[in-house]
Amino acid sequence: MKIVFFGTKPYDKLWFEPLAKEYGIDVDFVETKCAEKSVVLAKGADAICVFVNDKITAGMIDKLHEMGVKGILLRCAGFNNVDVKAAKDKMVILRVPSYSPEAVAEYAMAMLLTVNRKTHRAYTRTRDFNMSIQGLMGTNLHGKCAGVIGTGKIGQAMIRMLKGFSMDILAYDPYPNENLDVTYVTLEELIKKSDIITLHCPLTEETKHLINRETISLMKDNVYLINTSRGALIESNSLIEGLLNKKFAGAGLDVYEEEAGVFFEDRSDDIITDEILARLTTFPNVLITSHMGFFTSEAMEAIARCTIENALELEKGGPYTNEVK
């Protein structure tokens, strides 16, 4: 079996290369992202392996189908970047539904603690021997109300951590989990009552721009917003407007709706033309990182193992454990 692995980074090879060799899979690692022009590199392959910012359109699926490619292996949980409907009856789409919920939840918690207690700013100051603590005041999390939007495996891990800080938890999910010891409320009630709002839901037509001008207007003043899920859950212009109106005590963003081509890349020598992203970086109470909530050694190994298992199922022709339909 041959797989063309798009968007290869050095850390990808650490786990995928030895596992592929172990199971006799021929992997062609290419650095370029999967796109309209580069999809031809998949010629002769049984499958392609892509990441979260590789957008697979209907036209690309047709080309892959014509070349005899049987499947798309997503080394991530989300699949909003693939035209799933266009793939019907043409190829199998397999994802990694769960690699390390704790990794993402721990990172979301780290973002909340950082943006609240301003440790990132304190670190920068003290390196210059500026030991003033003026402007670095945070707030106690103990006793505050946290709103968790999305109670899948990552949301559940986040709930456990928030409870460790003795916080009151409100939750919203269109499919409530009756086994969870949380109070489910409507989205509007959660947004109105929460001191901290953390997003752990997939990006769908229903959740796109879930956080917008209207929902921001309902939030408490000095609310904290954390997003480690998908950038397009937040309408960026509305977020900037809320920041300018001092609605937010802080925002932690590990994702951004136009992150493709910027996140995961070294653009330090480039002029960034995305005015919205550039504007967001100017706010002292906004922490932006490059979609790295998943990035632990345990999670990377789990992603590699699950992806290889998906590839082996594809080689056998099914049944498929992690198929996206």
C-alpha atoms as a PDB file:
ATOM      1  CA  MET A   1       0.000   0.000   0.000  1.00  0.00           C
ATOM      2  CA  LYS A   2       1.197   3.505  -0.833  1.00  0.00           C
ATOM      3  CA  ILE A   3       0.206   6.715   0.947  1.00  0.00           C
ATOM      4  CA  VAL A   4       1.176  10.248  -0.065  1.00  0.00           C
ATOM      5  CA  PHE A   5       1.570  12.251   3.128  1.00  0.00           C
ATOM      6  CA  PHE A   6       0.948  15.951   2.464  1.00  0.00           C
ATOM      7  CA  GLY A   7       2.185  18.884   4.569  1.00  0.00           C
ATOM      8  CA  THR A   8       4.952  16.899   6.244  1.00  0.00           C
ATOM      9  CA  LYS A   9       6.727  18.478   9.199  1.00  0.00           C
ATOM     10  CA  PRO A  10       9.797  16.973  10.918  1.00  0.00           C
ATOM     11  CA  TYR A  11       7.712  15.979  13.947  1.00  0.00           C
ATOM     12  CA  ASP A  12       5.283  14.005  11.760  1.00  0.00           C
ATOM     13  CA  LYS A  13       7.999  11.586  10.666  1.00  0.00           C
ATOM     14  CA  LEU A  14       8.962  10.710  14.251  1.00  0.00           C
ATOM     15  CA  TRP A  15       5.946   8.439  14.624  1.00  0.00           C
ATOM     16  CA  PHE A  16       4.622   7.817  11.116  1.00  0.00           C
ATOM     17  CA  GLU A  17       7.889   6.658   9.554  1.00  0.00           C
ATOM     18  CA  PRO A  18       8.655   3.743  11.928  1.00  0.00           C
ATOM     19  CA  LEU A  19       4.993   2.650  12.106  1.00  0.00           C
ATOM     20  CA  ALA A  20       4.632   2.652   8.324  1.00  0.00           C
ATOM     21  CA  LYS A  21       7.801   0.581   8.038  1.00  0.00           C
ATOM     22  CA  GLU A  22       6.554  -1.837  10.703  1.00  0.00           C
ATOM     23  CA  TYR A  23       3.350  -2.536   8.770  1.00  0.00           C
ATOM     24  CA  GLY A  24       4.941  -2.542   5.315  1.00  0.00           C
ATOM     25  CA  ILE A  25       3.260   0.657   4.120  1.00  0.00           C
ATOM     26  CA  ASP A  26       5.053   2.792   1.550  1.00  0.00           C
ATOM     27  CA  VAL A  27       4.748   6.433   2.619  1.00  0.00           C
ATOM     28  CA  ASP A  28       5.828   9.279   0.353  1.00  0.00           C
ATOM     29  CA  PHE A  29       6.377  12.306   2.592  1.00  0.00           C
ATOM     30  CA  VAL A  30       5.977  15.659   0.806  1.00  0.00           C
ATOM     31  CA  GLU A  31       6.260  19.073   2.422  1.00  0.00           C
ATOM     32  CA  THR A  32       3.721  20.847   0.232  1.00  0.00           C
ATOM     33  CA  LYS A  33       0.116  21.142   1.337  1.00  0.00           C
ATOM     34  CA  CYS A  34      -2.595  19.292  -0.527  1.00  0.00           C
ATOM     35  CA  ALA A  35      -4.120  21.764  -2.973  1.00  0.00           C
ATOM     36  CA  GLU A  36      -5.546  21.971  -6.499  1.00  0.00           C
ATOM     37  CA  LYS A  37      -2.075  22.137  -8.053  1.00  0.00           C
ATOM     38  CA  SER A  38      -0.297  19.660  -5.787  1.00  0.00           C
ATOM     39  CA  VAL A  39      -2.922  16.913  -5.741  1.00  0.00           C
ATOM     40  CA  VAL A  40      -1.261  15.365  -8.826  1.00  0.00           C
ATOM     41  CA  LEU A  41       1.516  14.181  -6.490  1.00  0.00           C
ATOM     42  CA  ALA A  42      -0.914  11.496  -5.335  1.00  0.00           C
ATOM     43  CA  LYS A  43      -0.780   9.681  -8.667  1.00  0.00           C
ATOM     44  CA  GLY A  44      -0.113   5.998  -8.075  1.00  0.00           C
ATOM     45  CA  ALA A  45      -1.089   6.145  -4.410  1.00  0.00           C
ATOM     46  CA  ASP A  46      -3.837   4.185  -2.697  1.00  0.00           C
ATOM     47  CA  ALA A  47      -4.550   7.026  -0.261  1.00  0.00           C
ATOM     48  CA  ILE A  48      -3.521  10.499   0.763  1.00  0.00           C
ATOM     49  CA  CYS A  49      -2.961  11.679   4.314  1.00  0.00           C
ATOM     50  CA  VAL A  50      -3.840  15.304   5.094  1.00  0.00           C
ATOM     51  CA  PHE A  51      -4.054  17.607   8.088  1.00  0.00           C
ATOM     52  CA  VAL A  52      -6.511  20.164   9.387  1.00  0.00           C
ATOM     53  CA  ASN A  53      -5.694  23.032   7.000  1.00  0.00           C
ATOM     54  CA  ASP A  54      -5.569  20.974   3.793  1.00  0.00           C
ATOM     55  CA  LYS A  55      -8.802  21.914   2.041  1.00  0.00           C
ATOM     56  CA  ILE A  56     -10.077  19.054  -0.126  1.00  0.00           C
ATOM     57  CA  THR A  57     -12.611  20.338  -2.657  1.00  0.00           C
ATOM     58  CA  ALA A  58     -15.027  18.474  -4.924  1.00  0.00           C
ATOM     59  CA  GLY A  59     -12.731  19.104  -7.891  1.00  0.00           C
ATOM     60  CA  MET A  60      -9.755  17.630  -6.036  1.00  0.00           C
ATOM     61  CA  ILE A  61     -11.807  14.586  -5.068  1.00  0.00           C
ATOM     62  CA  ASP A  62     -12.695  14.034  -8.730  1.00  0.00           C
ATOM     63  CA  LYS A  63      -9.007  14.215  -9.678  1.00  0.00           C
ATOM     64  CA  LEU A  64      -8.048  11.803  -6.900  1.00  0.00           C
ATOM     65  CA  HIS A  65     -10.786   9.405  -7.996  1.00  0.00           C
ATOM     66  CA  GLU A  66      -9.592   9.530 -11.600  1.00  0.00           C
ATOM     67  CA  MET A  67      -6.050   8.711 -10.436  1.00  0.00           C
ATOM     68  CA  GLY A  68      -7.313   5.652  -8.565  1.00  0.00           C
ATOM     69  CA  VAL A  69      -6.883   6.984  -5.042  1.00  0.00           C
ATOM     70  CA  LYS A  70      -9.191   5.019  -2.758  1.00  0.00           C
ATOM     71  CA  GLY A  71      -9.202   7.046   0.425  1.00  0.00           C
ATOM     72  CA  ILE A  72      -8.444  10.215   2.344  1.00  0.00           C
ATOM     73  CA  LEU A  73      -6.794   9.708   5.727  1.00  0.00           C
ATOM     74  CA  LEU A  74      -7.315  12.654   8.062  1.00  0.00           C
ATOM     75  CA  ARG A  75      -4.689  12.844  10.783  1.00  0.00           C
ATOM     76  CA  CYS A  76      -7.084  14.957  12.861  1.00  0.00           C
ATOM     77  CA  ALA A  77     -10.561  14.736  14.346  1.00  0.00           C
ATOM     78  CA  GLY A  78     -12.278  17.514  12.398  1.00  0.00           C
ATOM     79  CA  PHE A  79     -13.406  17.002   8.807  1.00  0.00           C
ATOM     80  CA  ASN A  80     -14.907  20.389   7.905  1.00  0.00           C
ATOM     81  CA  ASN A  81     -12.020  20.889   5.464  1.00  0.00           C
ATOM     82  CA  VAL A  82     -13.196  18.035   3.218  1.00  0.00           C
ATOM     83  CA  ASP A  83     -16.172  18.069   0.855  1.00  0.00           C
ATOM     84  CA  VAL A  84     -17.658  14.913   2.326  1.00  0.00           C
ATOM     85  CA  LYS A  85     -20.722  14.929   0.049  1.00  0.00           C
ATOM     86  CA  ALA A  86     -18.549  15.053  -3.066  1.00  0.00           C
ATOM     87  CA  ALA A  87     -16.635  11.973  -1.875  1.00  0.00           C
ATOM     88  CA  LYS A  88     -19.725   9.786  -1.685  1.00  0.00           C
ATOM     89  CA  ASP A  89     -19.369   6.637  -3.822  1.00  0.00           C
ATOM     90  CA  LYS A  90     -15.883   7.790  -4.896  1.00  0.00           C
ATOM     91  CA  MET A  91     -13.603   7.325  -1.924  1.00  0.00           C
ATOM     92  CA  VAL A  92     -13.511   6.542   1.772  1.00  0.00           C
ATOM     93  CA  ILE A  93     -12.745   9.273   4.319  1.00  0.00           C
ATOM     94  CA  LEU A  94     -11.235   8.100   7.600  1.00  0.00           C
ATOM     95  CA  ARG A  95     -10.390  10.332  10.560  1.00  0.00           C
ATOM     96  CA  VAL A  96      -8.807  10.163  14.010  1.00  0.00           C
ATOM     97  CA  PRO A  97     -11.837  10.780  16.244  1.00  0.00           C
ATOM     98  CA  SER A  98      -9.976  10.876  19.542  1.00  0.00           C
ATOM     99  CA  TYR A  99      -6.239  10.994  20.151  1.00  0.00           C
ATOM    100  CA  SER A 100      -5.806  12.766  23.481  1.00  0.00           C
ATOM    101  CA  PRO A 101      -8.753  14.747  24.825  1.00  0.00           C
ATOM    102  CA  GLU A 102      -6.634  15.627  27.856  1.00  0.00           C
ATOM    103  CA  ALA A 103      -3.939  17.215  25.675  1.00  0.00           C
ATOM    104  CA  VAL A 104      -6.359  19.743  24.196  1.00  0.00           C
ATOM    105  CA  ALA A 105      -8.206  20.348  27.467  1.00  0.00           C
ATOM    106  CA  GLU A 106      -4.959  20.868  29.371  1.00  0.00           C
ATOM    107  CA  TYR A 107      -3.870  23.386  26.755  1.00  0.00           C
ATOM    108  CA  ALA A 108      -7.200  25.217  26.973  1.00  0.00           C
ATOM    109  CA  MET A 109      -6.754  25.370  30.733  1.00  0.00           C
ATOM    110  CA  ALA A 110      -3.198  26.649  30.275  1.00  0.00           C
ATOM    111  CA  MET A 111      -4.479  29.398  27.974  1.00  0.00           C
ATOM    112  CA  LEU A 112      -7.096  30.411  30.527  1.00  0.00           C
ATOM    113  CA  LEU A 113      -4.550  30.541  33.351  1.00  0.00           C
ATOM    114  CA  THR A 114      -2.063  32.436  31.195  1.00  0.00           C
ATOM    115  CA  VAL A 115      -4.419  35.078  29.868  1.00  0.00           C
ATOM    116  CA  ASN A 116      -5.970  35.513  33.323  1.00  0.00           C
ATOM    117  CA  ARG A 117      -2.762  35.763  35.378  1.00  0.00           C
ATOM    118  CA  LYS A 118      -0.770  37.307  32.495  1.00  0.00           C
ATOM    119  CA  THR A 119       2.232  35.038  32.996  1.00  0.00           C
ATOM    120  CA  HIS A 120       3.265  35.510  29.350  1.00  0.00           C
ATOM    121  CA  ARG A 121       3.562  39.262  29.875  1.00  0.00           C
ATOM    122  CA  ALA A 122       5.300  38.829  33.235  1.00  0.00           C
ATOM    123  CA  TYR A 123       7.865  36.532  31.593  1.00  0.00           C
ATOM    124  CA  THR A 124       8.666  39.153  28.957  1.00  0.00           C
ATOM    125  CA  ARG A 125       9.014  41.891  31.581  1.00  0.00           C
ATOM    126  CA  THR A 126      11.290  40.018  33.935  1.00  0.00           C
ATOM    127  CA  ARG A 127      13.669  39.053  31.128  1.00  0.00           C
ATOM    128  CA  ASP A 128      14.311  42.794  30.826  1.00  0.00           C
ATOM    129  CA  PHE A 129      14.532  43.053  34.641  1.00  0.00           C
ATOM    130  CA  ASN A 130      11.285  44.997  34.742  1.00  0.00           C
ATOM    131  CA  MET A 131       9.906  43.626  38.002  1.00  0.00           C
ATOM    132  CA  SER A 132       6.834  45.861  38.166  1.00  0.00           C
ATOM    133  CA  ILE A 133       3.568  43.963  38.560  1.00  0.00           C
ATOM    134  CA  GLN A 134       1.410  46.942  37.599  1.00  0.00           C
ATOM    135  CA  GLY A 135      -1.165  45.877  35.014  1.00  0.00           C
ATOM    136  CA  LEU A 136      -0.734  42.151  35.673  1.00  0.00           C
ATOM    137  CA  MET A 137      -3.622  41.644  38.092  1.00  0.00           C
ATOM    138  CA  GLY A 138      -5.806  38.601  37.449  1.00  0.00           C
ATOM    139  CA  THR A 139      -8.879  37.160  39.099  1.00  0.00           C
ATOM    140  CA  ASN A 140      -9.596  34.057  41.189  1.00  0.00           C
ATOM    141  CA  LEU A 141     -11.092  31.179  39.216  1.00  0.00           C
ATOM    142  CA  HIS A 142     -12.333  29.574  42.431  1.00  0.00           C
ATOM    143  CA  GLY A 143     -16.105  29.983  42.672  1.00  0.00           C
ATOM    144  CA  LYS A 144     -16.512  31.461  39.187  1.00  0.00           C
ATOM    145  CA  CYS A 145     -18.962  30.130  36.591  1.00  0.00           C
ATOM    146  CA  ALA A 146     -17.466  28.346  33.575  1.00  0.00           C
ATOM    147  CA  GLY A 147     -19.517  27.674  30.463  1.00  0.00           C
ATOM    148  CA  VAL A 148     -18.430  24.684  28.388  1.00  0.00           C
ATOM    149  CA  ILE A 149     -19.829  24.602  24.854  1.00  0.00           C
ATOM    150  CA  GLY A 150     -19.544  21.048  23.558  1.00  0.00           C
ATOM    151  CA  THR A 151     -19.379  18.085  25.921  1.00  0.00           C
ATOM    152  CA  GLY A 152     -17.627  15.471  23.826  1.00  0.00           C
ATOM    153  CA  LYS A 153     -14.438  13.849  25.080  1.00  0.00           C
ATOM    154  CA  ILE A 154     -12.435  17.095  25.095  1.00  0.00           C
ATOM    155  CA  GLY A 155     -15.257  19.044  26.708  1.00  0.00           C
ATOM    156  CA  GLN A 156     -15.579  16.371  29.391  1.00  0.00           C
ATOM    157  CA  ALA A 157     -11.843  16.515  30.108  1.00  0.00           C
ATOM    158  CA  MET A 158     -12.117  20.294  30.406  1.00  0.00           C
ATOM    159  CA  ILE A 159     -15.040  19.958  32.817  1.00  0.00           C
ATOM    160  CA  ARG A 160     -12.976  17.701  35.092  1.00  0.00           C
ATOM    161  CA  MET A 161     -10.189  20.280  35.191  1.00  0.00           C
ATOM    162  CA  LEU A 162     -12.508  23.208  35.832  1.00  0.00           C
ATOM    163  CA  LYS A 163     -14.058  21.294  38.723  1.00  0.00           C
ATOM    164  CA  GLY A 164     -10.564  20.961  40.164  1.00  0.00           C
ATOM    165  CA  PHE A 165     -10.597  24.746  40.504  1.00  0.00           C
ATOM    166  CA  SER A 166     -13.937  24.556  42.376  1.00  0.00           C
ATOM    167  CA  MET A 167     -15.799  26.313  39.603  1.00  0.00           C
ATOM    168  CA  ASP A 168     -19.519  26.089  38.887  1.00  0.00           C
ATOM    169  CA  ILE A 169     -20.037  24.438  35.501  1.00  0.00           C
ATOM    170  CA  LEU A 170     -22.722  25.173  32.932  1.00  0.00           C
ATOM    171  CA  ALA A 171     -22.772  23.157  29.720  1.00  0.00           C
ATOM    172  CA  TYR A 172     -24.400  23.377  26.323  1.00  0.00           C
ATOM    173  CA  ASP A 173     -24.569  20.611  23.743  1.00  0.00           C
ATOM    174  CA  PRO A 174     -27.383  19.737  21.314  1.00  0.00           C
ATOM    175  CA  TYR A 175     -26.851  16.137  22.427  1.00  0.00           C
ATOM    176  CA  PRO A 176     -26.573  16.270  26.246  1.00  0.00           C
ATOM    177  CA  ASN A 177     -24.716  13.503  28.064  1.00  0.00           C
ATOM    178  CA  GLU A 178     -26.974  12.405  30.908  1.00  0.00           C
ATOM    179  CA  ASN A 179     -24.071  10.723  32.689  1.00  0.00           C
ATOM    180  CA  LEU A 180     -22.198  13.985  33.195  1.00  0.00           C
ATOM    181  CA  ASP A 181     -22.446  15.766  36.530  1.00  0.00           C
ATOM    182  CA  VAL A 182     -23.028  19.200  35.005  1.00  0.00           C
ATOM    183  CA  THR A 183     -25.937  21.553  34.561  1.00  0.00           C
ATOM    184  CA  TYR A 184     -27.070  21.685  30.939  1.00  0.00           C
ATOM    185  CA  VAL A 185     -28.654  24.963  29.904  1.00  0.00           C
ATOM    186  CA  THR A 186     -29.557  26.719  26.680  1.00  0.00           C
ATOM    187  CA  LEU A 187     -26.773  28.392  24.740  1.00  0.00           C
ATOM    188  CA  GLU A 188     -28.220  31.805  25.566  1.00  0.00           C
ATOM    189  CA  GLU A 189     -28.313  31.103  29.320  1.00  0.00           C
ATOM    190  CA  LEU A 190     -24.740  29.804  29.278  1.00  0.00           C
ATOM    191  CA  ILE A 191     -23.490  32.872  27.449  1.00  0.00           C
ATOM    192  CA  LYS A 192     -25.319  35.239  29.810  1.00  0.00           C
ATOM    193  CA  LYS A 193     -24.205  33.602  33.081  1.00  0.00           C
ATOM    194  CA  SER A 194     -20.628  32.435  32.453  1.00  0.00           C
ATOM    195  CA  ASP A 195     -17.505  34.214  33.638  1.00  0.00           C
ATOM    196  CA  ILE A 196     -15.434  31.952  31.388  1.00  0.00           C
ATOM    197  CA  ILE A 197     -16.606  30.495  28.070  1.00  0.00           C
ATOM    198  CA  THR A 198     -14.591  27.690  26.512  1.00  0.00           C
ATOM    199  CA  LEU A 199     -15.368  26.171  23.112  1.00  0.00           C
ATOM    200  CA  HIS A 200     -15.066  22.425  22.499  1.00  0.00           C
ATOM    201  CA  CYS A 201     -17.455  21.783  19.613  1.00  0.00           C
ATOM    202  CA  PRO A 202     -16.863  20.835  15.971  1.00  0.00           C
ATOM    203  CA  LEU A 203     -17.248  23.319  13.136  1.00  0.00           C
ATOM    204  CA  THR A 204     -20.513  22.699  11.287  1.00  0.00           C
ATOM    205  CA  GLU A 205     -23.036  24.835   9.446  1.00  0.00           C
ATOM    206  CA  GLU A 206     -24.865  25.228  12.754  1.00  0.00           C
ATOM    207  CA  THR A 207     -21.821  26.228  14.817  1.00  0.00           C
ATOM    208  CA  LYS A 208     -20.064  28.535  12.354  1.00  0.00           C
ATOM    209  CA  HIS A 209     -19.747  32.005  13.953  1.00  0.00           C
ATOM    210  CA  LEU A 210     -21.432  30.740  17.102  1.00  0.00           C
ATOM    211  CA  ILE A 211     -19.673  33.630  18.824  1.00  0.00           C
ATOM    212  CA  ASN A 212     -20.809  36.761  17.000  1.00  0.00           C
ATOM    213  CA  ARG A 213     -21.911  40.321  17.650  1.00  0.00           C
ATOM    214  CA  GLU A 214     -25.265  39.216  19.086  1.00  0.00           C
ATOM    215  CA  THR A 215     -23.923  36.514  21.414  1.00  0.00           C
ATOM    216  CA  ILE A 216     -21.057  38.748  22.549  1.00  0.00           C
ATOM    217  CA  SER A 217     -23.575  41.438  23.502  1.00  0.00           C
ATOM    218  CA  LEU A 218     -25.243  38.926  25.847  1.00  0.00           C
ATOM    219  CA  MET A 219     -22.018  38.079  27.686  1.00  0.00           C
ATOM    220  CA  LYS A 220     -21.009  39.434  31.059  1.00  0.00           C
ATOM    221  CA  ASP A 221     -18.514  42.252  31.099  1.00  0.00           C
ATOM    222  CA  ASN A 222     -14.935  41.061  31.699  1.00  0.00           C
ATOM    223  CA  VAL A 223     -15.662  37.558  30.405  1.00  0.00           C
ATOM    224  CA  TYR A 224     -12.846  35.207  29.364  1.00  0.00           C
ATOM    225  CA  LEU A 225     -13.168  33.414  26.020  1.00  0.00           C
ATOM    226  CA  ILE A 226     -11.057  30.348  25.146  1.00  0.00           C
ATOM    227  CA  ASN A 227     -11.080  28.599  21.770  1.00  0.00           C
ATOM    228  CA  THR A 228      -8.988  25.496  21.044  1.00  0.00           C
ATOM    229  CA  SER A 229     -11.473  23.954  18.592  1.00  0.00           C
ATOM    230  CA  ARG A 230     -11.958  25.663  15.223  1.00  0.00           C
ATOM    231  CA  GLY A 231     -11.340  29.301  14.363  1.00  0.00           C
ATOM    232  CA  ALA A 232     -14.588  29.861  12.486  1.00  0.00           C
ATOM    233  CA  LEU A 233     -16.608  29.250  15.654  1.00  0.00           C
ATOM    234  CA  ILE A 234     -15.809  32.924  16.329  1.00  0.00           C
ATOM    235  CA  GLU A 235     -16.640  35.776  13.968  1.00  0.00           C
ATOM    236  CA  SER A 236     -13.359  37.677  14.137  1.00  0.00           C
ATOM    237  CA  ASN A 237     -14.625  41.174  13.401  1.00  0.00           C
ATOM    238  CA  SER A 238     -17.202  40.857  16.180  1.00  0.00           C
ATOM    239  CA  LEU A 239     -14.479  39.688  18.559  1.00  0.00           C
ATOM    240  CA  ILE A 240     -12.353  42.733  17.709  1.00  0.00           C
ATOM    241  CA  GLU A 241     -15.364  44.974  18.256  1.00  0.00           C
ATOM    242  CA  GLY A 242     -15.953  43.362  21.654  1.00  0.00           C
ATOM    243  CA  LEU A 243     -12.306  43.773  22.594  1.00  0.00           C
ATOM    244  CA  LEU A 244     -12.383  47.444  21.626  1.00  0.00           C
ATOM    245  CA  ASN A 245     -15.503  47.883  23.776  1.00  0.00           C
ATOM    246  CA  LYS A 246     -13.637  46.226  26.680  1.00  0.00           C
ATOM    247  CA  LYS A 247     -16.151  43.396  26.886  1.00  0.00           C
ATOM    248  CA  PHE A 248     -13.455  40.784  27.429  1.00  0.00           C
ATOM    249  CA  ALA A 249     -11.053  40.421  30.318  1.00  0.00           C
ATOM    250  CA  GLY A 250      -9.088  38.174  28.015  1.00  0.00           C
ATOM    251  CA  ALA A 251      -9.228  35.806  25.066  1.00  0.00           C
ATOM    252  CA  GLY A 252      -7.121  32.722  24.404  1.00  0.00           C
ATOM    253  CA  LEU A 253      -7.142  31.692  20.751  1.00  0.00           C
ATOM    254  CA  ASP A 254      -5.290  28.596  19.587  1.00  0.00           C
ATOM    255  CA  VAL A 255      -7.214  28.680  16.301  1.00  0.00           C
ATOM    256  CA  TYR A 256      -8.236  31.348  13.805  1.00  0.00           C
ATOM    257  CA  GLU A 257     -10.756  31.186  10.983  1.00  0.00           C
ATOM    258  CA  GLU A 258      -8.244  32.202   8.299  1.00  0.00           C
ATOM    259  CA  GLU A 259      -5.272  30.350   9.754  1.00  0.00           C
ATOM    260  CA  ALA A 260      -4.443  28.304   6.635  1.00  0.00           C
ATOM    261  CA  GLY A 261      -1.108  29.333   5.178  1.00  0.00           C
ATOM    262  CA  VAL A 262      -0.047  31.071   8.388  1.00  0.00           C
ATOM    263  CA  PHE A 263      -0.398  28.634  11.288  1.00  0.00           C
ATOM    264  CA  PHE A 264       2.193  25.811  11.384  1.00  0.00           C
ATOM    265  CA  GLU A 265       4.512  27.922   9.186  1.00  0.00           C
ATOM    266  CA  ASP A 266       7.431  30.273   9.901  1.00  0.00           C
ATOM    267  CA  ARG A 267       6.235  33.619   8.552  1.00  0.00           C
ATOM    268  CA  SER A 268       8.526  35.737  10.738  1.00  0.00           C
ATOM    269  CA  ASP A 269      10.252  37.322   7.736  1.00  0.00           C
ATOM    270  CA  ASP A 270       7.020  38.018   5.838  1.00  0.00           C
ATOM    271  CA  ILE A 271       4.663  40.954   5.823  1.00  0.00           C
ATOM    272  CA  ILE A 272       1.356  39.594   7.085  1.00  0.00           C
ATOM    273  CA  THR A 273      -1.473  40.889   4.898  1.00  0.00           C
ATOM    274  CA  ASP A 274      -4.270  39.520   7.109  1.00  0.00           C
ATOM    275  CA  GLU A 275      -5.342  42.744   8.810  1.00  0.00           C
ATOM    276  CA  ILE A 276      -7.704  40.990  11.218  1.00  0.00           C
ATOM    277  CA  LEU A 277      -5.040  38.635  12.547  1.00  0.00           C
ATOM    278  CA  ALA A 278      -2.550  41.486  12.737  1.00  0.00           C
ATOM    279  CA  ARG A 279      -5.099  43.553  14.707  1.00  0.00           C
ATOM    280  CA  LEU A 280      -5.797  40.709  17.135  1.00  0.00           C
ATOM    281  CA  THR A 281      -2.108  40.466  18.001  1.00  0.00           C
ATOM    282  CA  THR A 282      -2.112  44.091  19.174  1.00  0.00           C
ATOM    283  CA  PHE A 283      -4.467  43.516  22.119  1.00  0.00           C
ATOM    284  CA  PRO A 284      -2.561  42.970  25.384  1.00  0.00           C
ATOM    285  CA  ASN A 285      -5.333  40.725  26.722  1.00  0.00           C
ATOM    286  CA  VAL A 286      -5.361  38.377  23.705  1.00  0.00           C
ATOM    287  CA  LEU A 287      -3.150  35.292  23.608  1.00  0.00           C
ATOM    288  CA  ILE A 288      -2.780  33.702  20.155  1.00  0.00           C
ATOM    289  CA  THR A 289      -0.962  30.426  19.531  1.00  0.00           C
ATOM    290  CA  SER A 290      -0.579  28.354  16.388  1.00  0.00           C
ATOM    291  CA  HIS A 291      -3.123  25.517  16.686  1.00  0.00           C
ATOM    292  CA  MET A 292      -0.948  23.483  19.032  1.00  0.00           C
ATOM    293  CA  GLY A 293      -3.455  22.328  21.626  1.00  0.00           C
ATOM    294  CA  PHE A 294      -3.089  18.734  20.410  1.00  0.00           C
ATOM    295  CA  PHE A 295       0.725  18.856  20.356  1.00  0.00           C
ATOM    296  CA  THR A 296       1.978  16.387  22.942  1.00  0.00           C
ATOM    297  CA  SER A 297       4.115  13.321  22.336  1.00  0.00           C
ATOM    298  CA  GLU A 298       1.291  11.069  23.556  1.00  0.00           C
ATOM    299  CA  ALA A 299      -1.233  12.662  21.197  1.00  0.00           C
ATOM    300  CA  MET A 300       1.107  12.564  18.200  1.00  0.00           C
ATOM    301  CA  GLU A 301       1.792   8.874  18.738  1.00  0.00           C
ATOM    302  CA  ALA A 302      -1.951   8.172  19.088  1.00  0.00           C
ATOM    303  CA  ILE A 303      -2.679  10.088  15.864  1.00  0.00           C
ATOM    304  CA  ALA A 304      -0.034   8.104  13.992  1.00  0.00           C
ATOM    305  CA  ARG A 305      -1.243   4.741  15.289  1.00  0.00           C
ATOM    306  CA  CYS A 306      -4.899   5.447  14.531  1.00  0.00           C
ATOM    307  CA  THR A 307      -4.059   6.751  11.050  1.00  0.00           C
ATOM    308  CA  ILE A 308      -2.046   3.616  10.253  1.00  0.00           C
ATOM    309  CA  GLU A 309      -4.887   1.438  11.566  1.00  0.00           C
ATOM    310  CA  ASN A 310      -7.278   3.347   9.296  1.00  0.00           C
ATOM    311  CA  ALA A 311      -4.913   2.755   6.375  1.00  0.00           C
ATOM    312  CA  LEU A 312      -4.840  -0.993   7.050  1.00  0.00           C
ATOM    313  CA  GLU A 313      -8.655  -1.086   7.094  1.00  0.00           C
ATOM    314  CA  LEU A 314      -8.669   0.760   3.786  1.00  0.00           C
ATOM    315  CA  GLU A 315      -6.249  -1.773   2.321  1.00  0.00           C
ATOM    316  CA  LYS A 316      -8.577  -4.602   3.370  1.00  0.00           C
ATOM    317  CA  GLY A 317     -11.657  -2.812   2.020  1.00  0.00           C
ATOM    318  CA  GLY A 318     -13.307  -2.371   5.418  1.00  0.00           C
ATOM    319  CA  PRO A 319     -15.111  -2.527   7.698  1.00  0.00           C
ATOM    320  CA  TYR A 320     -14.193   1.025   8.694  1.00  0.00           C
ATOM    321  CA  THR A 321     -14.045   2.039  12.343  1.00  0.00           C
ATOM    322  CA  ASN A 322     -13.577   5.786  11.820  1.00  0.00           C
ATOM    323  CA  GLU A 323     -15.348   6.520   8.554  1.00  0.00           C
ATOM    324  CA  VAL A 324     -16.767   9.964   7.876  1.00  0.00           C
ATOM    325  CA  LYS A 325     -20.013   9.650   5.925  1.00  0.00           C
END
